[in-house]
Amino acid sequence: MPSLSGSAVPGPVAELRSSVPPQEDAPAAAICVSGVAVVRDGRPLLEDVGWCVTRGERWVVIGPNGCGKTTLLQVVGARLWPTSGVVDILGERLGKVDMRALRARIALVSASVVRQLRPELTAREVVVTGKTGSLVPWWDRFDDEDWALADRLLEDAGVGGARGIGDRPLRVLSEGERQHVLLSRALMGKPELVLMDEPAAGLDLGARERLVVRLARLMGDPEVPPLVLVTHHLEEIPPGATHCLLMRAGRIVAAGPITEVLDNDKVSACFGISVQVGCEDGRWWSRAETR
């Protein structure tokens, strides 16, 4: 597959760009955490985590099941209070900011969002609620421009138009279609930070590749807000990802530019198995070493 890191993103993303504060007026870091720990029932989920995401960077967070990836995303998404540590998000410090107002500036694409949505809502209704962050479209007023943007976001994903899924209920959509709806919903809110928790989980090969292509287009646009993608698999990393964070047992194994972090030794240490990793045309791969 050719690299898409330089692709321009037409249509709705241009409207998304307008919501991003000018670089000179914005703090240098979209996310900066220091000494963060999360302990639940005496069990540490995160321990002494320090991490910064600078505006314009596209991060991938990788690690085995239960290593704390989702917990970290909940903390930096202003949805979970850490047990200790300092958390700065979009220039605001947790404990000194209205969490509801801060969450409105952050898009979270997660299976937990699907579980909160009514299954009878249509795809375009789910997308349009992203403007206000509500779970149903009945209590807010959406004008013709809002509905038009929702439709364009679905079209940009390749699931809109006359034969698209816009008027189909969420409950009948495939897993791949739901992920495109959730991502469109996230962009509808014109966020300043986008967090994605395993969006390719459970997808078949075709659905995964279509999603990776869409994510690559977003990651390749320097004016799109900072992105953080959580995944288990190197094959799900889109072209355009700039940085990587490896986690194991609630701690950071390595963090930095993706080409420096994703090597055989670091990935092997992260997953506790000897693996080889590589990258071709912007796409990463991994396989167990056989001797």
C-alpha atoms as a PDB file:
ATOM      1  CA  MET A   1       0.000   0.000   0.000  1.00  0.00           C
ATOM      2  CA  PRO A   2       1.451   3.422  -0.878  1.00  0.00           C
ATOM      3  CA  SER A   3       2.115   5.818   1.938  1.00  0.00           C
ATOM      4  CA  LEU A   4      -0.704   8.299   2.521  1.00  0.00           C
ATOM      5  CA  SER A   5       1.193  10.502   4.924  1.00  0.00           C
ATOM      6  CA  GLY A   6       1.219  13.408   2.512  1.00  0.00           C
ATOM      7  CA  SER A   7      -2.409  13.164   1.395  1.00  0.00           C
ATOM      8  CA  ALA A   8      -4.600  16.214   1.674  1.00  0.00           C
ATOM      9  CA  VAL A   9      -7.889  15.746   3.467  1.00  0.00           C
ATOM     10  CA  PRO A  10     -10.840  17.363   1.691  1.00  0.00           C
ATOM     11  CA  GLY A  11     -14.283  18.361   2.816  1.00  0.00           C
ATOM     12  CA  PRO A  12     -15.223  18.130   6.498  1.00  0.00           C
ATOM     13  CA  VAL A  13     -11.660  18.087   7.761  1.00  0.00           C
ATOM     14  CA  ALA A  14     -11.216  21.619   6.450  1.00  0.00           C
ATOM     15  CA  GLU A  15     -13.966  22.639   8.862  1.00  0.00           C
ATOM     16  CA  LEU A  16     -12.255  20.681  11.622  1.00  0.00           C
ATOM     17  CA  ARG A  17      -9.081  22.688  11.025  1.00  0.00           C
ATOM     18  CA  SER A  18     -10.830  25.950  11.757  1.00  0.00           C
ATOM     19  CA  SER A  19     -11.454  24.868  15.351  1.00  0.00           C
ATOM     20  CA  VAL A  20      -7.768  24.306  16.119  1.00  0.00           C
ATOM     21  CA  PRO A  21      -6.250  27.265  18.001  1.00  0.00           C
ATOM     22  CA  PRO A  22      -3.349  28.983  16.222  1.00  0.00           C
ATOM     23  CA  GLN A  23      -0.024  27.508  17.241  1.00  0.00           C
ATOM     24  CA  GLU A  24       1.351  30.791  18.557  1.00  0.00           C
ATOM     25  CA  ASP A  25      -1.622  31.222  20.902  1.00  0.00           C
ATOM     26  CA  ALA A  26      -1.618  27.646  22.179  1.00  0.00           C
ATOM     27  CA  PRO A  27       0.502  25.869  24.765  1.00  0.00           C
ATOM     28  CA  ALA A  28       3.292  23.734  23.319  1.00  0.00           C
ATOM     29  CA  ALA A  29       1.883  20.466  24.693  1.00  0.00           C
ATOM     30  CA  ALA A  30      -1.585  19.072  24.149  1.00  0.00           C
ATOM     31  CA  ILE A  31      -0.911  16.447  26.854  1.00  0.00           C
ATOM     32  CA  CYS A  32       1.689  16.500  29.601  1.00  0.00           C
ATOM     33  CA  VAL A  33       1.568  14.079  32.532  1.00  0.00           C
ATOM     34  CA  SER A  34       4.132  13.592  35.271  1.00  0.00           C
ATOM     35  CA  GLY A  35       4.372  10.966  38.015  1.00  0.00           C
ATOM     36  CA  VAL A  36       0.876   9.692  37.266  1.00  0.00           C
ATOM     37  CA  ALA A  37      -0.388   6.652  39.134  1.00  0.00           C
ATOM     38  CA  VAL A  38      -3.806   5.017  39.201  1.00  0.00           C
ATOM     39  CA  VAL A  39      -4.534   2.504  41.962  1.00  0.00           C
ATOM     40  CA  ARG A  40      -7.802   0.584  42.232  1.00  0.00           C
ATOM     41  CA  ASP A  41      -8.561  -1.873  45.062  1.00  0.00           C
ATOM     42  CA  GLY A  42      -4.903  -1.798  46.029  1.00  0.00           C
ATOM     43  CA  ARG A  43      -3.791  -2.757  42.512  1.00  0.00           C
ATOM     44  CA  PRO A  44      -1.677  -0.305  40.512  1.00  0.00           C
ATOM     45  CA  LEU A  45      -3.048   0.211  36.990  1.00  0.00           C
ATOM     46  CA  LEU A  46      -0.536   2.954  36.185  1.00  0.00           C
ATOM     47  CA  GLU A  47       2.768   3.651  37.945  1.00  0.00           C
ATOM     48  CA  ASP A  48       4.962   6.746  37.654  1.00  0.00           C
ATOM     49  CA  VAL A  49       3.879   7.591  34.111  1.00  0.00           C
ATOM     50  CA  GLY A  50       5.435  10.653  32.490  1.00  0.00           C
ATOM     51  CA  TRP A  51       4.460  11.556  28.923  1.00  0.00           C
ATOM     52  CA  CYS A  52       4.027  14.621  26.725  1.00  0.00           C
ATOM     53  CA  VAL A  53       2.241  15.003  23.401  1.00  0.00           C
ATOM     54  CA  THR A  54       3.157  18.127  21.463  1.00  0.00           C
ATOM     55  CA  ARG A  55       0.705  19.723  19.078  1.00  0.00           C
ATOM     56  CA  GLY A  56       1.023  18.270  15.602  1.00  0.00           C
ATOM     57  CA  GLU A  57       2.244  14.883  16.826  1.00  0.00           C
ATOM     58  CA  ARG A  58       0.434  11.611  16.078  1.00  0.00           C
ATOM     59  CA  TRP A  59       1.038   9.006  18.782  1.00  0.00           C
ATOM     60  CA  VAL A  60       0.411   5.282  18.906  1.00  0.00           C
ATOM     61  CA  VAL A  61       0.158   3.584  22.312  1.00  0.00           C
ATOM     62  CA  ILE A  62       0.969  -0.127  22.180  1.00  0.00           C
ATOM     63  CA  GLY A  63       1.124  -2.865  24.784  1.00  0.00           C
ATOM     64  CA  PRO A  64      -0.351  -6.210  25.881  1.00  0.00           C
ATOM     65  CA  ASN A  65      -3.807  -6.667  27.373  1.00  0.00           C
ATOM     66  CA  GLY A  66      -4.149  -5.174  30.838  1.00  0.00           C
ATOM     67  CA  CYS A  67      -1.020  -3.023  30.640  1.00  0.00           C
ATOM     68  CA  GLY A  68      -2.879   0.248  31.331  1.00  0.00           C
ATOM     69  CA  LYS A  69      -3.409   1.655  27.827  1.00  0.00           C
ATOM     70  CA  THR A  70      -7.124   2.346  28.236  1.00  0.00           C
ATOM     71  CA  THR A  71      -6.608   3.673  31.762  1.00  0.00           C
ATOM     72  CA  LEU A  72      -4.035   6.143  30.452  1.00  0.00           C
ATOM     73  CA  LEU A  73      -6.428   7.239  27.708  1.00  0.00           C
ATOM     74  CA  GLN A  74      -9.184   7.786  30.284  1.00  0.00           C
ATOM     75  CA  VAL A  75      -6.865   9.981  32.358  1.00  0.00           C
ATOM     76  CA  VAL A  76      -5.690  12.163  29.464  1.00  0.00           C
ATOM     77  CA  GLY A  77      -9.262  12.302  28.179  1.00  0.00           C
ATOM     78  CA  ALA A  78     -10.331  13.986  31.451  1.00  0.00           C
ATOM     79  CA  ARG A  79     -12.590  11.037  32.277  1.00  0.00           C
ATOM     80  CA  LEU A  80     -10.625   9.474  35.150  1.00  0.00           C
ATOM     81  CA  TRP A  81      -8.897  11.095  38.130  1.00  0.00           C
ATOM     82  CA  PRO A  82      -5.409   9.728  38.789  1.00  0.00           C
ATOM     83  CA  THR A  83      -4.520   8.590  42.284  1.00  0.00           C
ATOM     84  CA  SER A  84      -1.440  10.808  42.152  1.00  0.00           C
ATOM     85  CA  GLY A  85       0.564  12.879  39.712  1.00  0.00           C
ATOM     86  CA  VAL A  86       0.104  15.990  37.579  1.00  0.00           C
ATOM     87  CA  VAL A  87      -2.019  16.023  34.422  1.00  0.00           C
ATOM     88  CA  ASP A  88      -2.103  18.961  32.001  1.00  0.00           C
ATOM     89  CA  ILE A  89      -4.445  18.718  29.002  1.00  0.00           C
ATOM     90  CA  LEU A  90      -4.820  21.441  26.363  1.00  0.00           C
ATOM     91  CA  GLY A  91      -3.230  23.940  28.718  1.00  0.00           C
ATOM     92  CA  GLU A  92      -5.531  23.077  31.642  1.00  0.00           C
ATOM     93  CA  ARG A  93      -4.560  21.204  34.809  1.00  0.00           C
ATOM     94  CA  LEU A  94      -6.831  18.559  36.278  1.00  0.00           C
ATOM     95  CA  GLY A  95      -8.054  19.791  39.635  1.00  0.00           C
ATOM     96  CA  LYS A  96      -8.112  23.402  38.459  1.00  0.00           C
ATOM     97  CA  VAL A  97     -10.537  23.180  35.550  1.00  0.00           C
ATOM     98  CA  ASP A  98     -14.185  22.347  34.882  1.00  0.00           C
ATOM     99  CA  MET A  99     -13.872  18.736  33.725  1.00  0.00           C
ATOM    100  CA  ARG A 100     -17.078  18.918  31.685  1.00  0.00           C
ATOM    101  CA  ALA A 101     -15.815  21.918  29.754  1.00  0.00           C
ATOM    102  CA  LEU A 102     -12.461  20.213  29.154  1.00  0.00           C
ATOM    103  CA  ARG A 103     -14.064  16.966  27.971  1.00  0.00           C
ATOM    104  CA  ALA A 104     -16.050  18.951  25.405  1.00  0.00           C
ATOM    105  CA  ARG A 105     -12.730  19.838  23.716  1.00  0.00           C
ATOM    106  CA  ILE A 106     -11.589  16.199  23.503  1.00  0.00           C
ATOM    107  CA  ALA A 107     -12.960  13.495  21.196  1.00  0.00           C
ATOM    108  CA  LEU A 108     -12.911   9.902  22.433  1.00  0.00           C
ATOM    109  CA  VAL A 109     -13.498   7.039  20.008  1.00  0.00           C
ATOM    110  CA  SER A 110     -14.125   3.983  22.159  1.00  0.00           C
ATOM    111  CA  ALA A 111     -16.327   0.924  22.488  1.00  0.00           C
ATOM    112  CA  SER A 112     -17.574   2.460  25.736  1.00  0.00           C
ATOM    113  CA  VAL A 113     -19.231   5.197  23.672  1.00  0.00           C
ATOM    114  CA  VAL A 114     -21.101   2.630  21.564  1.00  0.00           C
ATOM    115  CA  ARG A 115     -22.465   0.992  24.703  1.00  0.00           C
ATOM    116  CA  GLN A 116     -23.966   4.311  25.805  1.00  0.00           C
ATOM    117  CA  LEU A 117     -25.688   5.064  22.490  1.00  0.00           C
ATOM    118  CA  ARG A 118     -29.236   3.946  21.751  1.00  0.00           C
ATOM    119  CA  PRO A 119     -29.134   1.153  19.140  1.00  0.00           C
ATOM    120  CA  GLU A 120     -32.197   2.525  17.322  1.00  0.00           C
ATOM    121  CA  LEU A 121     -30.455   5.806  16.447  1.00  0.00           C
ATOM    122  CA  THR A 122     -29.511   6.155  12.793  1.00  0.00           C
ATOM    123  CA  ALA A 123     -25.899   6.608  11.771  1.00  0.00           C
ATOM    124  CA  ARG A 124     -26.389  10.290  10.893  1.00  0.00           C
ATOM    125  CA  GLU A 125     -28.171  10.892  14.223  1.00  0.00           C
ATOM    126  CA  VAL A 126     -25.213   9.372  16.064  1.00  0.00           C
ATOM    127  CA  VAL A 127     -22.803  11.565  14.107  1.00  0.00           C
ATOM    128  CA  VAL A 128     -24.693  14.822  14.635  1.00  0.00           C
ATOM    129  CA  THR A 129     -24.770  14.324  18.422  1.00  0.00           C
ATOM    130  CA  GLY A 130     -21.005  14.714  18.341  1.00  0.00           C
ATOM    131  CA  LYS A 131     -21.486  18.475  18.047  1.00  0.00           C
ATOM    132  CA  THR A 132     -22.741  18.699  21.634  1.00  0.00           C
ATOM    133  CA  GLY A 133     -21.457  15.421  23.053  1.00  0.00           C
ATOM    134  CA  SER A 134     -24.984  14.289  23.846  1.00  0.00           C
ATOM    135  CA  LEU A 135     -26.113  10.688  23.495  1.00  0.00           C
ATOM    136  CA  VAL A 136     -29.441  11.437  21.760  1.00  0.00           C
ATOM    137  CA  PRO A 137     -30.364  14.146  19.241  1.00  0.00           C
ATOM    138  CA  TRP A 138     -33.703  15.081  20.768  1.00  0.00           C
ATOM    139  CA  TRP A 139     -32.719  17.636  23.381  1.00  0.00           C
ATOM    140  CA  ASP A 140     -30.476  19.815  21.205  1.00  0.00           C
ATOM    141  CA  ARG A 141     -31.181  21.953  18.177  1.00  0.00           C
ATOM    142  CA  PHE A 142     -29.301  21.018  15.022  1.00  0.00           C
ATOM    143  CA  ASP A 143     -29.623  23.179  11.931  1.00  0.00           C
ATOM    144  CA  ASP A 144     -29.330  22.263   8.263  1.00  0.00           C
ATOM    145  CA  GLU A 145     -25.581  22.961   8.293  1.00  0.00           C
ATOM    146  CA  ASP A 146     -25.104  20.506  11.162  1.00  0.00           C
ATOM    147  CA  TRP A 147     -26.927  17.723   9.331  1.00  0.00           C
ATOM    148  CA  ALA A 148     -25.063  18.532   6.128  1.00  0.00           C
ATOM    149  CA  LEU A 149     -21.711  18.259   7.943  1.00  0.00           C
ATOM    150  CA  ALA A 150     -22.746  14.932   9.463  1.00  0.00           C
ATOM    151  CA  ASP A 151     -23.598  13.631   5.995  1.00  0.00           C
ATOM    152  CA  ARG A 152     -20.298  14.873   4.549  1.00  0.00           C
ATOM    153  CA  LEU A 153     -18.319  13.199   7.326  1.00  0.00           C
ATOM    154  CA  LEU A 154     -20.007   9.886   6.509  1.00  0.00           C
ATOM    155  CA  GLU A 155     -19.308  10.434   2.816  1.00  0.00           C
ATOM    156  CA  ASP A 156     -15.666  11.196   3.598  1.00  0.00           C
ATOM    157  CA  ALA A 157     -15.537   7.839   5.380  1.00  0.00           C
ATOM    158  CA  GLY A 158     -16.910   6.100   2.292  1.00  0.00           C
ATOM    159  CA  VAL A 159     -20.140   5.046   4.006  1.00  0.00           C
ATOM    160  CA  GLY A 160     -22.382   7.970   3.030  1.00  0.00           C
ATOM    161  CA  GLY A 161     -24.215   9.058  -0.092  1.00  0.00           C
ATOM    162  CA  ALA A 162     -27.322   7.641  -1.718  1.00  0.00           C
ATOM    163  CA  ARG A 163     -26.357   4.037  -0.964  1.00  0.00           C
ATOM    164  CA  GLY A 164     -24.709   4.785   2.364  1.00  0.00           C
ATOM    165  CA  ILE A 165     -25.584   3.914   5.936  1.00  0.00           C
ATOM    166  CA  GLY A 166     -26.828   7.332   7.070  1.00  0.00           C
ATOM    167  CA  ASP A 167     -30.432   6.268   7.663  1.00  0.00           C
ATOM    168  CA  ARG A 168     -29.663   2.795   8.977  1.00  0.00           C
ATOM    169  CA  PRO A 169     -29.986   2.070  12.721  1.00  0.00           C
ATOM    170  CA  LEU A 170     -26.784   1.653  14.704  1.00  0.00           C
ATOM    171  CA  ARG A 171     -27.851  -1.841  15.778  1.00  0.00           C
ATOM    172  CA  VAL A 172     -27.692  -3.255  12.227  1.00  0.00           C
ATOM    173  CA  LEU A 173     -24.328  -1.791  11.271  1.00  0.00           C
ATOM    174  CA  SER A 174     -21.220  -3.926  10.981  1.00  0.00           C
ATOM    175  CA  GLU A 175     -18.320  -3.365  13.383  1.00  0.00           C
ATOM    176  CA  GLY A 176     -16.378  -1.595  10.649  1.00  0.00           C
ATOM    177  CA  GLU A 177     -19.273   0.709   9.828  1.00  0.00           C
ATOM    178  CA  ARG A 178     -19.749   1.533  13.506  1.00  0.00           C
ATOM    179  CA  GLN A 179     -16.116   2.582  13.823  1.00  0.00           C
ATOM    180  CA  HIS A 180     -16.489   4.977  10.906  1.00  0.00           C
ATOM    181  CA  VAL A 181     -19.641   6.376  12.507  1.00  0.00           C
ATOM    182  CA  LEU A 182     -17.846   6.872  15.832  1.00  0.00           C
ATOM    183  CA  LEU A 183     -14.898   8.589  14.175  1.00  0.00           C
ATOM    184  CA  SER A 184     -17.268  10.835  12.212  1.00  0.00           C
ATOM    185  CA  ARG A 185     -19.061  11.641  15.462  1.00  0.00           C
ATOM    186  CA  ALA A 186     -15.742  12.561  17.064  1.00  0.00           C
ATOM    187  CA  LEU A 187     -14.832  14.925  14.219  1.00  0.00           C
ATOM    188  CA  MET A 188     -18.318  16.464  14.302  1.00  0.00           C
ATOM    189  CA  GLY A 189     -17.426  18.096  17.607  1.00  0.00           C
ATOM    190  CA  LYS A 190     -14.408  19.864  16.030  1.00  0.00           C
ATOM    191  CA  PRO A 191     -12.122  18.699  18.863  1.00  0.00           C
ATOM    192  CA  GLU A 192      -8.696  19.968  19.853  1.00  0.00           C
ATOM    193  CA  LEU A 193      -7.504  16.459  20.748  1.00  0.00           C
ATOM    194  CA  VAL A 194      -8.585  13.075  19.348  1.00  0.00           C
ATOM    195  CA  LEU A 195      -8.173   9.865  21.378  1.00  0.00           C
ATOM    196  CA  MET A 196      -8.919   6.469  19.805  1.00  0.00           C
ATOM    197  CA  ASP A 197      -9.089   3.294  21.862  1.00  0.00           C
ATOM    198  CA  GLU A 198      -8.536   0.221  19.658  1.00  0.00           C
ATOM    199  CA  PRO A 199     -10.798   1.323  16.788  1.00  0.00           C
ATOM    200  CA  ALA A 200      -9.737  -1.662  14.646  1.00  0.00           C
ATOM    201  CA  ALA A 201     -10.528  -4.298  17.302  1.00  0.00           C
ATOM    202  CA  GLY A 202     -12.704  -7.077  15.905  1.00  0.00           C
ATOM    203  CA  LEU A 203     -12.599  -5.851  12.309  1.00  0.00           C
ATOM    204  CA  ASP A 204     -12.017  -8.142   9.354  1.00  0.00           C
ATOM    205  CA  LEU A 205      -9.168  -7.481   6.929  1.00  0.00           C
ATOM    206  CA  GLY A 206     -11.146  -5.287   4.551  1.00  0.00           C
ATOM    207  CA  ALA A 207     -12.760  -3.204   7.291  1.00  0.00           C
ATOM    208  CA  ARG A 208      -9.422  -2.762   9.052  1.00  0.00           C
ATOM    209  CA  GLU A 209      -7.684  -1.581   5.910  1.00  0.00           C
ATOM    210  CA  ARG A 210     -10.444   0.895   5.077  1.00  0.00           C
ATOM    211  CA  LEU A 211     -10.187   2.314   8.595  1.00  0.00           C
ATOM    212  CA  VAL A 212      -6.373   2.486   8.439  1.00  0.00           C
ATOM    213  CA  VAL A 213      -6.594   4.419   5.160  1.00  0.00           C
ATOM    214  CA  ARG A 214      -8.985   6.927   6.715  1.00  0.00           C
ATOM    215  CA  LEU A 215      -6.796   7.349   9.802  1.00  0.00           C
ATOM    216  CA  ALA A 216      -3.739   7.806   7.601  1.00  0.00           C
ATOM    217  CA  ARG A 217      -5.438  10.671   5.807  1.00  0.00           C
ATOM    218  CA  LEU A 218      -6.136  12.379   9.113  1.00  0.00           C
ATOM    219  CA  MET A 219      -2.659  11.714  10.497  1.00  0.00           C
ATOM    220  CA  GLY A 220      -1.099  13.034   7.319  1.00  0.00           C
ATOM    221  CA  ASP A 221      -2.702  16.457   7.628  1.00  0.00           C
ATOM    222  CA  PRO A 222      -0.549  18.794   9.790  1.00  0.00           C
ATOM    223  CA  GLU A 223      -3.519  20.997  10.639  1.00  0.00           C
ATOM    224  CA  VAL A 224      -5.616  18.241  12.185  1.00  0.00           C
ATOM    225  CA  PRO A 225      -5.473  18.201  16.030  1.00  0.00           C
ATOM    226  CA  PRO A 226      -3.090  15.885  17.913  1.00  0.00           C
ATOM    227  CA  LEU A 227      -4.080  12.232  17.683  1.00  0.00           C
ATOM    228  CA  VAL A 228      -3.478   9.327  20.061  1.00  0.00           C
ATOM    229  CA  LEU A 229      -4.287   5.802  18.868  1.00  0.00           C
ATOM    230  CA  VAL A 230      -4.296   2.802  21.222  1.00  0.00           C
ATOM    231  CA  THR A 231      -3.770  -0.621  19.653  1.00  0.00           C
ATOM    232  CA  HIS A 232      -2.307  -4.067  20.294  1.00  0.00           C
ATOM    233  CA  HIS A 233      -1.047  -4.651  16.782  1.00  0.00           C
ATOM    234  CA  LEU A 234       1.671  -2.967  14.744  1.00  0.00           C
ATOM    235  CA  GLU A 235      -0.250  -3.815  11.572  1.00  0.00           C
ATOM    236  CA  GLU A 236      -2.982  -1.373  12.640  1.00  0.00           C
ATOM    237  CA  ILE A 237      -0.629   1.626  12.771  1.00  0.00           C
ATOM    238  CA  PRO A 238      -1.542   4.064   9.965  1.00  0.00           C
ATOM    239  CA  PRO A 239       1.064   5.787   7.818  1.00  0.00           C
ATOM    240  CA  GLY A 240       1.655   9.242   9.250  1.00  0.00           C
ATOM    241  CA  ALA A 241       2.070   8.144  12.881  1.00  0.00           C
ATOM    242  CA  THR A 242       5.031  10.097  14.251  1.00  0.00           C
ATOM    243  CA  HIS A 243       5.569   8.786  17.794  1.00  0.00           C
ATOM    244  CA  CYS A 244       5.043   5.614  19.803  1.00  0.00           C
ATOM    245  CA  LEU A 245       4.586   4.781  23.486  1.00  0.00           C
ATOM    246  CA  LEU A 246       5.185   1.184  24.593  1.00  0.00           C
ATOM    247  CA  MET A 247       3.586   0.068  27.872  1.00  0.00           C
ATOM    248  CA  ARG A 248       3.891  -3.002  30.074  1.00  0.00           C
ATOM    249  CA  ALA A 249       2.352  -3.634  33.514  1.00  0.00           C
ATOM    250  CA  GLY A 250       1.296  -0.016  33.984  1.00  0.00           C
ATOM    251  CA  ARG A 251       4.697   1.451  33.174  1.00  0.00           C
ATOM    252  CA  ILE A 252       6.310   2.972  30.121  1.00  0.00           C
ATOM    253  CA  VAL A 253       8.827   0.731  28.372  1.00  0.00           C
ATOM    254  CA  ALA A 254       9.830   3.305  25.749  1.00  0.00           C
ATOM    255  CA  ALA A 255       8.495   6.506  24.198  1.00  0.00           C
ATOM    256  CA  GLY A 256       9.621   8.730  21.366  1.00  0.00           C
ATOM    257  CA  PRO A 257       9.790   8.945  17.567  1.00  0.00           C
ATOM    258  CA  ILE A 258       8.173   5.844  16.138  1.00  0.00           C
ATOM    259  CA  THR A 259      11.207   4.740  14.121  1.00  0.00           C
ATOM    260  CA  GLU A 260      13.348   4.801  17.272  1.00  0.00           C
ATOM    261  CA  VAL A 261      10.851   3.006  19.519  1.00  0.00           C
ATOM    262  CA  LEU A 262       9.600   0.202  17.287  1.00  0.00           C
ATOM    263  CA  ASP A 263      12.615  -2.066  17.111  1.00  0.00           C
ATOM    264  CA  ASN A 264      13.035  -5.766  17.864  1.00  0.00           C
ATOM    265  CA  ASP A 265      14.409  -5.357  21.388  1.00  0.00           C
ATOM    266  CA  LYS A 266      11.898  -2.812  22.673  1.00  0.00           C
ATOM    267  CA  VAL A 267       8.823  -4.513  21.228  1.00  0.00           C
ATOM    268  CA  SER A 268      10.059  -7.896  22.483  1.00  0.00           C
ATOM    269  CA  ALA A 269      10.501  -6.460  25.986  1.00  0.00           C
ATOM    270  CA  CYS A 270       7.049  -4.902  25.817  1.00  0.00           C
ATOM    271  CA  PHE A 271       5.224  -8.135  24.951  1.00  0.00           C
ATOM    272  CA  GLY A 272       7.538 -10.637  26.650  1.00  0.00           C
ATOM    273  CA  ILE A 273       8.194 -12.581  23.460  1.00  0.00           C
ATOM    274  CA  SER A 274      11.020 -12.421  20.947  1.00  0.00           C
ATOM    275  CA  VAL A 275       9.710 -10.725  17.807  1.00  0.00           C
ATOM    276  CA  GLN A 276      10.981  -9.102  14.655  1.00  0.00           C
ATOM    277  CA  VAL A 277       9.435  -5.844  13.487  1.00  0.00           C
ATOM    278  CA  GLY A 278       9.710  -3.886  10.274  1.00  0.00           C
ATOM    279  CA  CYS A 279       8.147  -1.146   8.179  1.00  0.00           C
ATOM    280  CA  GLU A 280       7.430  -1.074   4.456  1.00  0.00           C
ATOM    281  CA  ASP A 281       5.763   1.839   2.625  1.00  0.00           C
ATOM    282  CA  GLY A 282       4.677   3.334   5.923  1.00  0.00           C
ATOM    283  CA  ARG A 283       3.054   0.129   7.215  1.00  0.00           C
ATOM    284  CA  TRP A 284       4.483  -1.750  10.189  1.00  0.00           C
ATOM    285  CA  TRP A 285       4.555  -5.518  10.694  1.00  0.00           C
ATOM    286  CA  SER A 286       5.668  -7.959  13.398  1.00  0.00           C
ATOM    287  CA  ARG A 287       6.252 -11.685  13.676  1.00  0.00           C
ATOM    288  CA  ALA A 288       7.662 -14.045  16.284  1.00  0.00           C
ATOM    289  CA  GLU A 289      11.301 -15.044  15.846  1.00  0.00           C
ATOM    290  CA  THR A 290      11.774 -18.717  15.058  1.00  0.00           C
ATOM    291  CA  ARG A 291      15.079 -20.405  15.811  1.00  0.00           C
END
